[in-house]
Amino acid sequence: MRTYDREEERMPIYEYHCQECGRDQSVLFLSQREAKSRPQCKYCGARRLTRLLSRFAYHQGETARLQDFDTSAPRDESFYKDSRNVGLWAKKRAKEMGVNLGSQFEETVEKARSGKITDDL
């Protein structure tokens, strides 16, 4: 009976920047052993690649987002491009003041987040 090493099962994806052509790329390795080799740039064929720190994200539910939200902090334009932030300020301020805005407010916020608020206008 053969035993498998967990390391053998992993198929990592690494991000690289090519020093030759200046392009970034993702490289999927089919094993950890293969990941130890020097990859080749898929655009120019050079082997002068520098490994980058990959981007990552984590999911945070609305309750946690509301709790962490600081209503006094200034927001830039990009904050409002994320539909999850629509109504967040109003919800937090209402909570801070002890005001219940009711279910109609919640429905309006959900319509605004989904882009359906204009259907009612």
PDB file of N, CA and C in Angstrom:
ATOM      1  N   MET A   1       0.837  -1.180   0.000  1.00  0.00           N
ATOM      2  CA  MET A   1       0.000   0.000   0.000  1.00  0.00           C
ATOM      3  C   MET A   1       0.882   1.243   0.000  1.00  0.00           C
ATOM      4  N   ARG A   2       0.599   2.170  -0.915  1.00  0.00           N
ATOM      5  CA  ARG A   2       1.393   3.384  -1.031  1.00  0.00           C
ATOM      6  C   ARG A   2       0.779   4.488  -0.178  1.00  0.00           C
ATOM      7  N   THR A   3       1.620   5.189   0.546  1.00  0.00           N
ATOM      8  CA  THR A   3       1.148   6.343   1.318  1.00  0.00           C
ATOM      9  C   THR A   3       1.494   7.607   0.546  1.00  0.00           C
ATOM     10  N   TYR A   4       0.628   8.587   0.651  1.00  0.00           N
ATOM     11  CA  TYR A   4       0.831   9.836  -0.073  1.00  0.00           C
ATOM     12  C   TYR A   4       1.225  10.949   0.882  1.00  0.00           C
ATOM     13  N   ASP A   5       2.172  11.721   0.454  1.00  0.00           N
ATOM     14  CA  ASP A   5       2.606  12.883   1.202  1.00  0.00           C
ATOM     15  C   ASP A   5       1.702  14.046   0.802  1.00  0.00           C
ATOM     16  N   ARG A   6       1.160  14.762   1.764  1.00  0.00           N
ATOM     17  CA  ARG A   6       0.280  15.894   1.497  1.00  0.00           C
ATOM     18  C   ARG A   6       0.954  16.928   0.599  1.00  0.00           C
ATOM     19  N   GLU A   7       2.268  17.079   0.736  1.00  0.00           N
ATOM     20  CA  GLU A   7       2.997  18.040  -0.079  1.00  0.00           C
ATOM     21  C   GLU A   7       2.885  17.699  -1.567  1.00  0.00           C
ATOM     22  N   GLU A   8       2.836  16.401  -1.882  1.00  0.00           N
ATOM     23  CA  GLU A   8       2.737  15.981  -3.281  1.00  0.00           C
ATOM     24  C   GLU A   8       1.409  16.376  -3.903  1.00  0.00           C
ATOM     25  N   GLU A   9       0.375  16.503  -3.098  1.00  0.00           N
ATOM     26  CA  GLU A   9      -0.962  16.780  -3.599  1.00  0.00           C
ATOM     27  C   GLU A   9      -1.185  18.247  -3.934  1.00  0.00           C
ATOM     28  N   ARG A  10      -0.408  19.122  -3.378  1.00  0.00           N
ATOM     29  CA  ARG A  10      -0.615  20.550  -3.578  1.00  0.00           C
ATOM     30  C   ARG A  10      -0.177  20.985  -4.966  1.00  0.00           C
ATOM     31  N   MET A  11      -0.996  21.822  -5.571  1.00  0.00           N
ATOM     32  CA  MET A  11      -0.689  22.361  -6.890  1.00  0.00           C
ATOM     33  C   MET A  11      -0.694  23.888  -6.776  1.00  0.00           C
ATOM     34  N   PRO A  12       0.426  24.468  -6.386  1.00  0.00           N
ATOM     35  CA  PRO A  12       0.454  25.906  -6.131  1.00  0.00           C
ATOM     36  C   PRO A  12       0.403  26.753  -7.403  1.00  0.00           C
ATOM     37  N   ILE A  13      -0.142  27.936  -7.235  1.00  0.00           N
ATOM     38  CA  ILE A  13      -0.120  28.950  -8.288  1.00  0.00           C
ATOM     39  C   ILE A  13       0.686  30.108  -7.725  1.00  0.00           C
ATOM     40  N   TYR A  14       1.740  30.477  -8.417  1.00  0.00           N
ATOM     41  CA  TYR A  14       2.588  31.583  -7.980  1.00  0.00           C
ATOM     42  C   TYR A  14       2.529  32.701  -9.012  1.00  0.00           C
ATOM     43  N   GLU A  15       2.710  33.913  -8.529  1.00  0.00           N
ATOM     44  CA  GLU A  15       2.757  35.100  -9.386  1.00  0.00           C
ATOM     45  C   GLU A  15       4.223  35.469  -9.599  1.00  0.00           C
ATOM     46  N   TYR A  16       4.555  35.837 -10.839  1.00  0.00           N
ATOM     47  CA  TYR A  16       5.926  36.209 -11.167  1.00  0.00           C
ATOM     48  C   TYR A  16       5.948  37.486 -11.994  1.00  0.00           C
ATOM     49  N   HIS A  17       7.067  38.208 -11.901  1.00  0.00           N
ATOM     50  CA  HIS A  17       7.323  39.379 -12.737  1.00  0.00           C
ATOM     51  C   HIS A  17       8.565  39.069 -13.562  1.00  0.00           C
ATOM     52  N   CYS A  18       8.463  39.244 -14.870  1.00  0.00           N
ATOM     53  CA  CYS A  18       9.588  38.964 -15.751  1.00  0.00           C
ATOM     54  C   CYS A  18      10.497  40.192 -15.813  1.00  0.00           C
ATOM     55  N   GLN A  19      11.764  39.995 -15.463  1.00  0.00           N
ATOM     56  CA  GLN A  19      12.746  41.084 -15.502  1.00  0.00           C
ATOM     57  C   GLN A  19      13.108  41.465 -16.938  1.00  0.00           C
ATOM     58  N   GLU A  20      12.843  40.556 -17.863  1.00  0.00           N
ATOM     59  CA  GLU A  20      13.195  40.784 -19.268  1.00  0.00           C
ATOM     60  C   GLU A  20      12.146  41.630 -19.998  1.00  0.00           C
ATOM     61  N   CYS A  21      10.882  41.198 -19.964  1.00  0.00           N
ATOM     62  CA  CYS A  21       9.830  41.906 -20.715  1.00  0.00           C
ATOM     63  C   CYS A  21       8.929  42.776 -19.820  1.00  0.00           C
ATOM     64  N   GLY A  22       9.065  42.626 -18.495  1.00  0.00           N
ATOM     65  CA  GLY A  22       8.326  43.479 -17.576  1.00  0.00           C
ATOM     66  C   GLY A  22       6.882  43.085 -17.323  1.00  0.00           C
ATOM     67  N   ARG A  23       6.472  41.925 -17.789  1.00  0.00           N
ATOM     68  CA  ARG A  23       5.079  41.501 -17.615  1.00  0.00           C
ATOM     69  C   ARG A  23       4.925  40.597 -16.402  1.00  0.00           C
ATOM     70  N   ASP A  24       3.738  40.694 -15.783  1.00  0.00           N
ATOM     71  CA  ASP A  24       3.398  39.826 -14.658  1.00  0.00           C
ATOM     72  C   ASP A  24       2.603  38.642 -15.171  1.00  0.00           C
ATOM     73  N   GLN A  25       2.700  37.518 -14.471  1.00  0.00           N
ATOM     74  CA  GLN A  25       1.996  36.314 -14.906  1.00  0.00           C
ATOM     75  C   GLN A  25       1.799  35.360 -13.748  1.00  0.00           C
ATOM     76  N   SER A  26       0.811  34.506 -13.882  1.00  0.00           N
ATOM     77  CA  SER A  26       0.559  33.446 -12.910  1.00  0.00           C
ATOM     78  C   SER A  26       1.059  32.144 -13.504  1.00  0.00           C
ATOM     79  N   VAL A  27       1.666  31.321 -12.661  1.00  0.00           N
ATOM     80  CA  VAL A  27       2.180  30.029 -13.116  1.00  0.00           C
ATOM     81  C   VAL A  27       1.610  28.942 -12.205  1.00  0.00           C
ATOM     82  N   LEU A  28       0.921  27.985 -12.803  1.00  0.00           N
ATOM     83  CA  LEU A  28       0.378  26.844 -12.076  1.00  0.00           C
ATOM     84  C   LEU A  28       1.393  25.712 -12.137  1.00  0.00           C
ATOM     85  N   PHE A  29       1.761  25.203 -10.981  1.00  0.00           N
ATOM     86  CA  PHE A  29       2.661  24.066 -10.907  1.00  0.00           C
ATOM     87  C   PHE A  29       1.829  22.845 -10.534  1.00  0.00           C
ATOM     88  N   LEU A  30       2.073  21.735 -11.173  1.00  0.00           N
ATOM     89  CA  LEU A  30       1.299  20.526 -10.938  1.00  0.00           C
ATOM     90  C   LEU A  30       1.793  19.727  -9.741  1.00  0.00           C
ATOM     91  N   SER A  31       2.922  20.144  -9.166  1.00  0.00           N
ATOM     92  CA  SER A  31       3.430  19.471  -7.964  1.00  0.00           C
ATOM     93  C   SER A  31       4.368  20.433  -7.237  1.00  0.00           C
ATOM     94  N   GLN A  32       4.656  20.114  -5.984  1.00  0.00           N
ATOM     95  CA  GLN A  32       5.615  20.910  -5.215  1.00  0.00           C
ATOM     96  C   GLN A  32       7.011  20.783  -5.817  1.00  0.00           C
ATOM     97  N   ARG A  33       7.320  19.609  -6.306  1.00  0.00           N
ATOM     98  CA  ARG A  33       8.631  19.371  -6.916  1.00  0.00           C
ATOM     99  C   ARG A  33       8.809  20.299  -8.126  1.00  0.00           C
ATOM    100  N   GLU A  34       7.784  20.385  -8.949  1.00  0.00           N
ATOM    101  CA  GLU A  34       7.849  21.252 -10.129  1.00  0.00           C
ATOM    102  C   GLU A  34       7.968  22.723  -9.727  1.00  0.00           C
ATOM    103  N   ALA A  35       7.348  23.098  -8.605  1.00  0.00           N
ATOM    104  CA  ALA A  35       7.379  24.484  -8.146  1.00  0.00           C
ATOM    105  C   ALA A  35       8.782  24.932  -7.749  1.00  0.00           C
ATOM    106  N   LYS A  36       9.651  23.976  -7.454  1.00  0.00           N
ATOM    107  CA  LYS A  36      11.017  24.315  -7.061  1.00  0.00           C
ATOM    108  C   LYS A  36      11.895  24.636  -8.271  1.00  0.00           C
ATOM    109  N   SER A  37      11.423  24.307  -9.466  1.00  0.00           N
ATOM    110  CA  SER A  37      12.198  24.598 -10.671  1.00  0.00           C
ATOM    111  C   SER A  37      12.028  26.068 -11.057  1.00  0.00           C
ATOM    112  N   ARG A  38      12.917  26.558 -11.915  1.00  0.00           N
ATOM    113  CA  ARG A  38      12.816  27.947 -12.389  1.00  0.00           C
ATOM    114  C   ARG A  38      11.869  28.015 -13.565  1.00  0.00           C
ATOM    115  N   PRO A  39      10.756  28.703 -13.422  1.00  0.00           N
ATOM    116  CA  PRO A  39       9.809  28.791 -14.540  1.00  0.00           C
ATOM    117  C   PRO A  39      10.327  29.705 -15.650  1.00  0.00           C
ATOM    118  N   GLN A  40       9.695  29.565 -16.782  1.00  0.00           N
ATOM    119  CA  GLN A  40      10.048  30.342 -17.960  1.00  0.00           C
ATOM    120  C   GLN A  40       8.917  31.320 -18.232  1.00  0.00           C
ATOM    121  N   CYS A  41       9.244  32.546 -18.640  1.00  0.00           N
ATOM    122  CA  CYS A  41       8.233  33.554 -18.961  1.00  0.00           C
ATOM    123  C   CYS A  41       7.394  33.069 -20.141  1.00  0.00           C
ATOM    124  N   LYS A  42       6.075  33.098 -19.974  1.00  0.00           N
ATOM    125  CA  LYS A  42       5.213  32.621 -21.056  1.00  0.00           C
ATOM    126  C   LYS A  42       5.087  33.638 -22.183  1.00  0.00           C
ATOM    127  N   TYR A  43       5.617  34.849 -21.987  1.00  0.00           N
ATOM    128  CA  TYR A  43       5.536  35.878 -23.026  1.00  0.00           C
ATOM    129  C   TYR A  43       6.814  35.984 -23.853  1.00  0.00           C
ATOM    130  N   CYS A  44       7.980  35.960 -23.161  1.00  0.00           N
ATOM    131  CA  CYS A  44       9.229  36.144 -23.909  1.00  0.00           C
ATOM    132  C   CYS A  44      10.182  34.960 -23.791  1.00  0.00           C
ATOM    133  N   GLY A  45       9.865  33.993 -22.927  1.00  0.00           N
ATOM    134  CA  GLY A  45      10.690  32.801 -22.797  1.00  0.00           C
ATOM    135  C   GLY A  45      11.874  32.935 -21.847  1.00  0.00           C
ATOM    136  N   ALA A  46      12.086  34.128 -21.298  1.00  0.00           N
ATOM    137  CA  ALA A  46      13.218  34.339 -20.393  1.00  0.00           C
ATOM    138  C   ALA A  46      12.995  33.599 -19.074  1.00  0.00           C
ATOM    139  N   ARG A  47      14.084  33.347 -18.368  1.00  0.00           N
ATOM    140  CA  ARG A  47      13.999  32.687 -17.064  1.00  0.00           C
ATOM    141  C   ARG A  47      14.326  33.660 -15.928  1.00  0.00           C
ATOM    142  N   ARG A  48      14.324  34.946 -16.224  1.00  0.00           N
ATOM    143  CA  ARG A  48      14.618  35.967 -15.217  1.00  0.00           C
ATOM    144  C   ARG A  48      13.307  36.423 -14.560  1.00  0.00           C
ATOM    145  N   LEU A  49      12.690  35.521 -13.818  1.00  0.00           N
ATOM    146  CA  LEU A  49      11.420  35.820 -13.164  1.00  0.00           C
ATOM    147  C   LEU A  49      11.627  36.035 -11.671  1.00  0.00           C
ATOM    148  N   THR A  50      10.935  37.018 -11.149  1.00  0.00           N
ATOM    149  CA  THR A  50      10.954  37.299  -9.718  1.00  0.00           C
ATOM    150  C   THR A  50       9.577  36.954  -9.163  1.00  0.00           C
ATOM    151  N   ARG A  51       9.551  36.173  -8.110  1.00  0.00           N
ATOM    152  CA  ARG A  51       8.272  35.779  -7.527  1.00  0.00           C
ATOM    153  C   ARG A  51       7.664  36.954  -6.761  1.00  0.00           C
ATOM    154  N   LEU A  52       6.374  37.178  -6.988  1.00  0.00           N
ATOM    155  CA  LEU A  52       5.649  38.271  -6.355  1.00  0.00           C
ATOM    156  C   LEU A  52       4.801  37.752  -5.205  1.00  0.00           C
ATOM    157  N   LEU A  53       4.424  38.638  -4.345  1.00  0.00           N
ATOM    158  CA  LEU A  53       3.480  38.304  -3.289  1.00  0.00           C
ATOM    159  C   LEU A  53       2.098  38.362  -3.923  1.00  0.00           C
ATOM    160  N   SER A  54       1.385  37.261  -3.917  1.00  0.00           N
ATOM    161  CA  SER A  54       0.068  37.199  -4.549  1.00  0.00           C
ATOM    162  C   SER A  54      -0.945  38.012  -3.761  1.00  0.00           C
ATOM    163  N   ARG A  55      -1.908  38.583  -4.462  1.00  0.00           N
ATOM    164  CA  ARG A  55      -2.992  39.307  -3.808  1.00  0.00           C
ATOM    165  C   ARG A  55      -3.922  38.314  -3.142  1.00  0.00           C
ATOM    166  N   PHE A  56      -4.552  38.758  -2.095  1.00  0.00           N
ATOM    167  CA  PHE A  56      -5.518  37.914  -1.423  1.00  0.00           C
ATOM    168  C   PHE A  56      -6.618  38.792  -0.851  1.00  0.00           C
ATOM    169  N   ALA A  57      -7.688  38.171  -0.495  1.00  0.00           N
ATOM    170  CA  ALA A  57      -8.819  38.885   0.100  1.00  0.00           C
ATOM    171  C   ALA A  57      -9.466  37.978   1.131  1.00  0.00           C
ATOM    172  N   TYR A  58     -10.199  38.566   2.012  1.00  0.00           N
ATOM    173  CA  TYR A  58     -10.961  37.763   2.954  1.00  0.00           C
ATOM    174  C   TYR A  58     -12.375  38.323   3.017  1.00  0.00           C
ATOM    175  N   HIS A  59     -13.301  37.443   3.264  1.00  0.00           N
ATOM    176  CA  HIS A  59     -14.705  37.833   3.319  1.00  0.00           C
ATOM    177  C   HIS A  59     -15.059  38.253   4.728  1.00  0.00           C
ATOM    178  N   GLN A  60     -15.783  39.343   4.822  1.00  0.00           N
ATOM    179  CA  GLN A  60     -16.244  39.829   6.113  1.00  0.00           C
ATOM    180  C   GLN A  60     -17.733  40.087   5.980  1.00  0.00           C
ATOM    181  N   GLY A  61     -18.526  39.498   6.846  1.00  0.00           N
ATOM    182  CA  GLY A  61     -19.971  39.682   6.816  1.00  0.00           C
ATOM    183  C   GLY A  61     -20.364  41.103   7.182  1.00  0.00           C
ATOM    184  N   GLU A  62     -21.614  41.454   6.893  1.00  0.00           N
ATOM    185  CA  GLU A  62     -22.066  42.826   7.139  1.00  0.00           C
ATOM    186  C   GLU A  62     -22.010  43.200   8.611  1.00  0.00           C
ATOM    187  N   THR A  63     -22.299  42.266   9.493  1.00  0.00           N
ATOM    188  CA  THR A  63     -22.262  42.563  10.927  1.00  0.00           C
ATOM    189  C   THR A  63     -20.858  43.000  11.337  1.00  0.00           C
ATOM    190  N   ALA A  64     -19.846  42.264  10.894  1.00  0.00           N
ATOM    191  CA  ALA A  64     -18.460  42.609  11.216  1.00  0.00           C
ATOM    192  C   ALA A  64     -18.052  43.907  10.528  1.00  0.00           C
ATOM    193  N   ARG A  65     -18.487  44.096   9.297  1.00  0.00           N
ATOM    194  CA  ARG A  65     -18.153  45.328   8.574  1.00  0.00           C
ATOM    195  C   ARG A  65     -18.771  46.533   9.264  1.00  0.00           C
ATOM    196  N   LEU A  66     -20.003  46.398   9.717  1.00  0.00           N
ATOM    197  CA  LEU A  66     -20.694  47.476  10.412  1.00  0.00           C
ATOM    198  C   LEU A  66     -19.986  47.794  11.726  1.00  0.00           C
ATOM    199  N   GLN A  67     -19.567  46.758  12.431  1.00  0.00           N
ATOM    200  CA  GLN A  67     -18.879  46.941  13.698  1.00  0.00           C
ATOM    201  C   GLN A  67     -17.547  47.671  13.506  1.00  0.00           C
ATOM    202  N   ASP A  68     -16.807  47.338  12.444  1.00  0.00           N
ATOM    203  CA  ASP A  68     -15.492  47.936  12.188  1.00  0.00           C
ATOM    204  C   ASP A  68     -15.566  49.288  11.488  1.00  0.00           C
ATOM    205  N   PHE A  69     -16.721  49.654  10.980  1.00  0.00           N
ATOM    206  CA  PHE A  69     -16.868  50.875  10.178  1.00  0.00           C
ATOM    207  C   PHE A  69     -16.765  52.115  11.054  1.00  0.00           C
ATOM    208  N   ASP A  70     -15.904  53.037  10.674  1.00  0.00           N
ATOM    209  CA  ASP A  70     -15.728  54.295  11.408  1.00  0.00           C
ATOM    210  C   ASP A  70     -16.423  55.406  10.628  1.00  0.00           C
ATOM    211  N   THR A  71     -17.533  55.909  11.161  1.00  0.00           N
ATOM    212  CA  THR A  71     -18.315  56.924  10.442  1.00  0.00           C
ATOM    213  C   THR A  71     -17.608  58.262  10.346  1.00  0.00           C
ATOM    214  N   SER A  72     -16.616  58.496  11.191  1.00  0.00           N
ATOM    215  CA  SER A  72     -15.924  59.794  11.161  1.00  0.00           C
ATOM    216  C   SER A  72     -14.758  59.815  10.171  1.00  0.00           C
ATOM    217  N   ALA A  73     -14.348  58.664   9.683  1.00  0.00           N
ATOM    218  CA  ALA A  73     -13.209  58.605   8.760  1.00  0.00           C
ATOM    219  C   ALA A  73     -13.641  59.034   7.356  1.00  0.00           C
ATOM    220  N   PRO A  74     -12.803  59.837   6.689  1.00  0.00           N
ATOM    221  CA  PRO A  74     -13.137  60.249   5.320  1.00  0.00           C
ATOM    222  C   PRO A  74     -13.064  59.058   4.359  1.00  0.00           C
ATOM    223  N   ARG A  75     -13.870  59.056   3.338  1.00  0.00           N
ATOM    224  CA  ARG A  75     -13.910  57.984   2.337  1.00  0.00           C
ATOM    225  C   ARG A  75     -13.556  58.557   0.970  1.00  0.00           C
ATOM    226  N   ASP A  76     -12.796  57.797   0.209  1.00  0.00           N
ATOM    227  CA  ASP A  76     -12.517  58.243  -1.154  1.00  0.00           C
ATOM    228  C   ASP A  76     -13.566  57.647  -2.093  1.00  0.00           C
ATOM    229  N   GLU A  77     -13.501  58.038  -3.345  1.00  0.00           N
ATOM    230  CA  GLU A  77     -14.502  57.630  -4.333  1.00  0.00           C
ATOM    231  C   GLU A  77     -14.588  56.117  -4.496  1.00  0.00           C
ATOM    232  N   SER A  78     -13.471  55.419  -4.375  1.00  0.00           N
ATOM    233  CA  SER A  78     -13.468  53.973  -4.579  1.00  0.00           C
ATOM    234  C   SER A  78     -14.309  53.243  -3.533  1.00  0.00           C
ATOM    235  N   PHE A  79     -14.432  53.816  -2.331  1.00  0.00           N
ATOM    236  CA  PHE A  79     -15.228  53.195  -1.278  1.00  0.00           C
ATOM    237  C   PHE A  79     -16.670  53.021  -1.733  1.00  0.00           C
ATOM    238  N   TYR A  80     -17.199  54.010  -2.417  1.00  0.00           N
ATOM    239  CA  TYR A  80     -18.599  53.977  -2.815  1.00  0.00           C
ATOM    240  C   TYR A  80     -18.836  53.182  -4.105  1.00  0.00           C
ATOM    241  N   LYS A  81     -17.785  52.768  -4.776  1.00  0.00           N
ATOM    242  CA  LYS A  81     -17.933  51.925  -5.961  1.00  0.00           C
ATOM    243  C   LYS A  81     -18.239  50.480  -5.574  1.00  0.00           C
ATOM    244  N   ASP A  82     -17.964  50.116  -4.335  1.00  0.00           N
ATOM    245  CA  ASP A  82     -18.273  48.780  -3.824  1.00  0.00           C
ATOM    246  C   ASP A  82     -19.714  48.805  -3.335  1.00  0.00           C
ATOM    247  N   SER A  83     -20.588  48.075  -3.997  1.00  0.00           N
ATOM    248  CA  SER A  83     -22.019  48.136  -3.686  1.00  0.00           C
ATOM    249  C   SER A  83     -22.339  47.710  -2.258  1.00  0.00           C
ATOM    250  N   ARG A  84     -21.455  46.920  -1.635  1.00  0.00           N
ATOM    251  CA  ARG A  84     -21.702  46.506  -0.251  1.00  0.00           C
ATOM    252  C   ARG A  84     -21.648  47.684   0.710  1.00  0.00           C
ATOM    253  N   ASN A  85     -21.020  48.787   0.299  1.00  0.00           N
ATOM    254  CA  ASN A  85     -20.883  49.943   1.173  1.00  0.00           C
ATOM    255  C   ASN A  85     -22.085  50.884   1.106  1.00  0.00           C
ATOM    256  N   VAL A  86     -22.975  50.668   0.150  1.00  0.00           N
ATOM    257  CA  VAL A  86     -24.167  51.510   0.038  1.00  0.00           C
ATOM    258  C   VAL A  86     -24.999  51.340   1.306  1.00  0.00           C
ATOM    259  N   GLY A  87     -25.301  52.434   1.958  1.00  0.00           N
ATOM    260  CA  GLY A  87     -26.122  52.410   3.155  1.00  0.00           C
ATOM    261  C   GLY A  87     -25.379  52.071   4.433  1.00  0.00           C
ATOM    262  N   LEU A  88     -24.102  51.694   4.337  1.00  0.00           N
ATOM    263  CA  LEU A  88     -23.339  51.293   5.506  1.00  0.00           C
ATOM    264  C   LEU A  88     -23.199  52.446   6.496  1.00  0.00           C
ATOM    265  N   TRP A  89     -22.898  53.636   5.985  1.00  0.00           N
ATOM    266  CA  TRP A  89     -22.743  54.795   6.859  1.00  0.00           C
ATOM    267  C   TRP A  89     -24.044  55.094   7.592  1.00  0.00           C
ATOM    268  N   ALA A  90     -25.150  55.107   6.874  1.00  0.00           N
ATOM    269  CA  ALA A  90     -26.449  55.407   7.498  1.00  0.00           C
ATOM    270  C   ALA A  90     -26.803  54.363   8.559  1.00  0.00           C
ATOM    271  N   LYS A  91     -26.560  53.109   8.261  1.00  0.00           N
ATOM    272  CA  LYS A  91     -26.845  52.047   9.233  1.00  0.00           C
ATOM    273  C   LYS A  91     -26.010  52.224  10.498  1.00  0.00           C
ATOM    274  N   LYS A  92     -24.738  52.503  10.330  1.00  0.00           N
ATOM    275  CA  LYS A  92     -23.843  52.651  11.479  1.00  0.00           C
ATOM    276  C   LYS A  92     -24.232  53.866  12.312  1.00  0.00           C
ATOM    277  N   ARG A  93     -24.499  54.996  11.658  1.00  0.00           N
ATOM    278  CA  ARG A  93     -24.877  56.208  12.393  1.00  0.00           C
ATOM    279  C   ARG A  93     -26.179  55.995  13.150  1.00  0.00           C
ATOM    280  N   ALA A  94     -27.146  55.346  12.524  1.00  0.00           N
ATOM    281  CA  ALA A  94     -28.422  55.080  13.189  1.00  0.00           C
ATOM    282  C   ALA A  94     -28.196  54.208  14.421  1.00  0.00           C
ATOM    283  N   LYS A  95     -27.348  53.218  14.286  1.00  0.00           N
ATOM    284  CA  LYS A  95     -27.055  52.332  15.408  1.00  0.00           C
ATOM    285  C   LYS A  95     -26.363  53.101  16.536  1.00  0.00           C
ATOM    286  N   GLU A  96     -25.416  53.975  16.168  1.00  0.00           N
ATOM    287  CA  GLU A  96     -24.699  54.775  17.161  1.00  0.00           C
ATOM    288  C   GLU A  96     -25.657  55.697  17.934  1.00  0.00           C
ATOM    289  N   MET A  97     -26.679  56.187  17.255  1.00  0.00           N
ATOM    290  CA  MET A  97     -27.640  57.104  17.881  1.00  0.00           C
ATOM    291  C   MET A  97     -28.813  56.371  18.518  1.00  0.00           C
ATOM    292  N   GLY A  98     -28.848  55.033  18.388  1.00  0.00           N
ATOM    293  CA  GLY A  98     -29.924  54.261  18.985  1.00  0.00           C
ATOM    294  C   GLY A  98     -31.238  54.385  18.245  1.00  0.00           C
ATOM    295  N   VAL A  99     -31.168  54.639  16.936  1.00  0.00           N
ATOM    296  CA  VAL A  99     -32.372  54.813  16.124  1.00  0.00           C
ATOM    297  C   VAL A  99     -32.601  53.565  15.280  1.00  0.00           C
ATOM    298  N   ASN A 100     -33.822  53.069  15.263  1.00  0.00           N
ATOM    299  CA  ASN A 100     -34.188  51.950  14.407  1.00  0.00           C
ATOM    300  C   ASN A 100     -34.852  52.523  13.158  1.00  0.00           C
ATOM    301  N   LEU A 101     -34.207  52.354  12.020  1.00  0.00           N
ATOM    302  CA  LEU A 101     -34.734  52.916  10.774  1.00  0.00           C
ATOM    303  C   LEU A 101     -35.799  52.038  10.135  1.00  0.00           C
ATOM    304  N   GLY A 102     -36.010  50.859  10.658  1.00  0.00           N
ATOM    305  CA  GLY A 102     -37.098  50.007  10.198  1.00  0.00           C
ATOM    306  C   GLY A 102     -36.786  49.177   8.975  1.00  0.00           C
ATOM    307  N   SER A 103     -37.722  48.275   8.676  1.00  0.00           N
ATOM    308  CA  SER A 103     -37.526  47.336   7.574  1.00  0.00           C
ATOM    309  C   SER A 103     -37.570  48.012   6.206  1.00  0.00           C
ATOM    310  N   GLN A 104     -38.313  49.100   6.085  1.00  0.00           N
ATOM    311  CA  GLN A 104     -38.376  49.800   4.789  1.00  0.00           C
ATOM    312  C   GLN A 104     -36.998  50.355   4.418  1.00  0.00           C
ATOM    313  N   PHE A 105     -36.268  50.848   5.413  1.00  0.00           N
ATOM    314  CA  PHE A 105     -34.915  51.329   5.155  1.00  0.00           C
ATOM    315  C   PHE A 105     -34.030  50.186   4.677  1.00  0.00           C
ATOM    316  N   GLU A 106     -34.113  49.031   5.355  1.00  0.00           N
ATOM    317  CA  GLU A 106     -33.325  47.852   4.968  1.00  0.00           C
ATOM    318  C   GLU A 106     -33.632  47.449   3.527  1.00  0.00           C
ATOM    319  N   GLU A 107     -34.920  47.457   3.163  1.00  0.00           N
ATOM    320  CA  GLU A 107     -35.322  47.099   1.796  1.00  0.00           C
ATOM    321  C   GLU A 107     -34.753  48.094   0.789  1.00  0.00           C
ATOM    322  N   THR A 108     -34.791  49.376   1.133  1.00  0.00           N
ATOM    323  CA  THR A 108     -34.271  50.407   0.230  1.00  0.00           C
ATOM    324  C   THR A 108     -32.770  50.248   0.035  1.00  0.00           C
ATOM    325  N   VAL A 109     -32.042  49.952   1.111  1.00  0.00           N
ATOM    326  CA  VAL A 109     -30.598  49.735   1.019  1.00  0.00           C
ATOM    327  C   VAL A 109     -30.304  48.538   0.119  1.00  0.00           C
ATOM    328  N   GLU A 110     -31.031  47.450   0.294  1.00  0.00           N
ATOM    329  CA  GLU A 110     -30.812  46.262  -0.544  1.00  0.00           C
ATOM    330  C   GLU A 110     -31.097  46.558  -2.009  1.00  0.00           C
ATOM    331  N   LYS A 111     -32.132  47.335  -2.287  1.00  0.00           N
ATOM    332  CA  LYS A 111     -32.429  47.718  -3.683  1.00  0.00           C
ATOM    333  C   LYS A 111     -31.300  48.571  -4.248  1.00  0.00           C
ATOM    334  N   ALA A 112     -30.785  49.489  -3.432  1.00  0.00           N
ATOM    335  CA  ALA A 112     -29.690  50.347  -3.892  1.00  0.00           C
ATOM    336  C   ALA A 112     -28.442  49.531  -4.172  1.00  0.00           C
ATOM    337  N   ARG A 113     -28.146  48.556  -3.315  1.00  0.00           N
ATOM    338  CA  ARG A 113     -26.959  47.711  -3.502  1.00  0.00           C
ATOM    339  C   ARG A 113     -27.057  46.885  -4.766  1.00  0.00           C
ATOM    340  N   SER A 114     -28.258  46.445  -5.098  1.00  0.00           N
ATOM    341  CA  SER A 114     -28.431  45.594  -6.284  1.00  0.00           C
ATOM    342  C   SER A 114     -28.658  46.408  -7.554  1.00  0.00           C
ATOM    343  N   GLY A 115     -28.795  47.717  -7.419  1.00  0.00           N
ATOM    344  CA  GLY A 115     -29.043  48.574  -8.583  1.00  0.00           C
ATOM    345  C   GLY A 115     -30.492  48.632  -9.003  1.00  0.00           C
ATOM    346  N   LYS A 116     -31.398  48.064  -8.188  1.00  0.00           N
ATOM    347  CA  LYS A 116     -32.815  48.030  -8.543  1.00  0.00           C
ATOM    348  C   LYS A 116     -33.585  49.227  -7.997  1.00  0.00           C
ATOM    349  N   ILE A 117     -32.923  50.127  -7.308  1.00  0.00           N
ATOM    350  CA  ILE A 117     -33.626  51.272  -6.721  1.00  0.00           C
ATOM    351  C   ILE A 117     -34.200  52.190  -7.803  1.00  0.00           C
ATOM    352  N   THR A 118     -33.534  52.247  -8.942  1.00  0.00           N
ATOM    353  CA  THR A 118     -34.021  53.104 -10.019  1.00  0.00           C
ATOM    354  C   THR A 118     -35.297  52.555 -10.659  1.00  0.00           C
ATOM    355  N   ASP A 119     -35.586  51.270 -10.466  1.00  0.00           N
ATOM    356  CA  ASP A 119     -36.808  50.675 -11.025  1.00  0.00           C
ATOM    357  C   ASP A 119     -38.046  51.309 -10.418  1.00  0.00           C
ATOM    358  N   ASP A 120     -37.945  51.772  -9.162  1.00  0.00           N
ATOM    359  CA  ASP A 120     -39.090  52.348  -8.468  1.00  0.00           C
ATOM    360  C   ASP A 120     -39.264  53.834  -8.729  1.00  0.00           C
ATOM    361  N   LEU A 121     -38.292  54.472  -9.358  1.00  0.00           N
ATOM    362  CA  LEU A 121     -38.357  55.939  -9.576  1.00  0.00           C
ATOM    363  C   LEU A 121     -39.155  56.286 -10.798  1.00  0.00           C
TER     364      LEU A 121
END
